[in-house]
C-alpha atoms as a PDB file:
ATOM      1  CA  MET A   1     -52.908  28.326-179.968  1.00  0.00           C
ATOM      2  CA  THR A   2     -49.835  29.873-178.356  1.00  0.00           C
ATOM      3  CA  ILE A   3     -47.858  32.947-179.417  1.00  0.00           C
ATOM      4  CA  LYS A   4     -44.340  33.443-178.033  1.00  0.00           C
ATOM      5  CA  SER A   5     -41.790  36.232-178.485  1.00  0.00           C
ATOM      6  CA  LYS A   6     -38.643  37.792-177.031  1.00  0.00           C
ATOM      7  CA  TYR A   7     -38.086  41.527-176.688  1.00  0.00           C
ATOM      8  CA  SER A   8     -35.189  43.798-175.788  1.00  0.00           C
ATOM      9  CA  GLU A   9     -34.922  47.591-176.047  1.00  0.00           C
ATOM     10  CA  SER A  10     -31.165  47.373-176.548  1.00  0.00           C
ATOM     11  CA  GLN A  11     -28.958  44.340-176.022  1.00  0.00           C
ATOM     12  CA  ALA A  12     -30.056  43.039-172.622  1.00  0.00           C
ATOM     13  CA  PRO A  13     -32.114  42.046-170.767  1.00  0.00           C
ATOM     14  CA  PHE A  14     -34.351  40.015-173.031  1.00  0.00           C
ATOM     15  CA  TYR A  15     -37.953  39.564-171.904  1.00  0.00           C
ATOM     16  CA  SER A  16     -39.959  36.539-173.004  1.00  0.00           C
ATOM     17  CA  GLN A  17     -43.692  36.797-173.609  1.00  0.00           C
ATOM     18  CA  GLU A  18     -46.310  34.116-174.079  1.00  0.00           C
ATOM     19  CA  ALA A  19     -50.032  34.381-174.795  1.00  0.00           C
ATOM     20  CA  LEU A  20     -52.327  31.340-174.816  1.00  0.00           C
ATOM     21  CA  PHE A  21     -55.680  31.342-176.605  1.00  0.00           C
ATOM     22  CA  ASP A  22     -58.686  29.048-176.430  1.00  0.00           C
ATOM     23  CA  SER A  23     -61.954  29.074-178.379  1.00  0.00           C
ATOM     24  CA  LYS A  24     -63.228  32.027-176.307  1.00  0.00           C
ATOM     25  CA  GLY A  25     -60.156  34.274-176.724  1.00  0.00           C
ATOM     26  CA  ILE A  26     -57.126  34.967-174.569  1.00  0.00           C
ATOM     27  CA  LYS A  27     -56.792  32.302-171.886  1.00  0.00           C
ATOM     28  CA  SER A  28     -53.620  33.649-170.245  1.00  0.00           C
ATOM     29  CA  ALA A  29     -50.594  35.835-170.881  1.00  0.00           C
ATOM     30  CA  GLU A  30     -47.306  36.358-169.103  1.00  0.00           C
ATOM     31  CA  CYS A  31     -44.040  38.202-169.553  1.00  0.00           C
ATOM     32  CA  SER A  32     -40.694  37.820-167.801  1.00  0.00           C
ATOM     33  CA  CYS A  33     -40.348  41.596-167.226  1.00  0.00           C
ATOM     34  CA  PRO A  34     -40.733  42.942-163.653  1.00  0.00           C
ATOM     35  CA  VAL A  35     -44.411  43.926-164.136  1.00  0.00           C
ATOM     36  CA  GLY A  36     -45.428  41.109-166.476  1.00  0.00           C
ATOM     37  CA  ASP A  37     -46.335  38.330-164.034  1.00  0.00           C
ATOM     38  CA  ASP A  38     -50.051  38.840-164.563  1.00  0.00           C
ATOM     39  CA  GLY A  39     -49.805  39.596-168.302  1.00  0.00           C
ATOM     40  CA  HIS A  40     -50.534  43.316-167.952  1.00  0.00           C
ATOM     41  CA  CYS A  41     -47.431  44.939-169.416  1.00  0.00           C
ATOM     42  CA  LYS A  42     -46.559  46.819-172.590  1.00  0.00           C
ATOM     43  CA  HIS A  43     -44.684  43.800-173.963  1.00  0.00           C
ATOM     44  CA  ILE A  44     -47.860  41.669-173.966  1.00  0.00           C
ATOM     45  CA  VAL A  45     -49.776  44.487-175.677  1.00  0.00           C
ATOM     46  CA  ALA A  46     -47.073  44.700-178.355  1.00  0.00           C
ATOM     47  CA  LEU A  47     -47.140  40.920-178.822  1.00  0.00           C
ATOM     48  CA  LEU A  48     -50.910  40.915-179.306  1.00  0.00           C
ATOM     49  CA  LEU A  49     -50.783  43.827-181.773  1.00  0.00           C
ATOM     50  CA  THR A  50     -48.203  42.171-184.043  1.00  0.00           C
END
């Protein structure tokens, strides 16, 4: 299963997030924000909590 979203605090820039799951849980996550390359940013946390 894959969850995708886009986020922006105002109008721009938009950050895209993606989390991939397998039968064991989260397989990978990434975000297009400056700190999101390894999936450890606040946007990924927000995606997973929604």
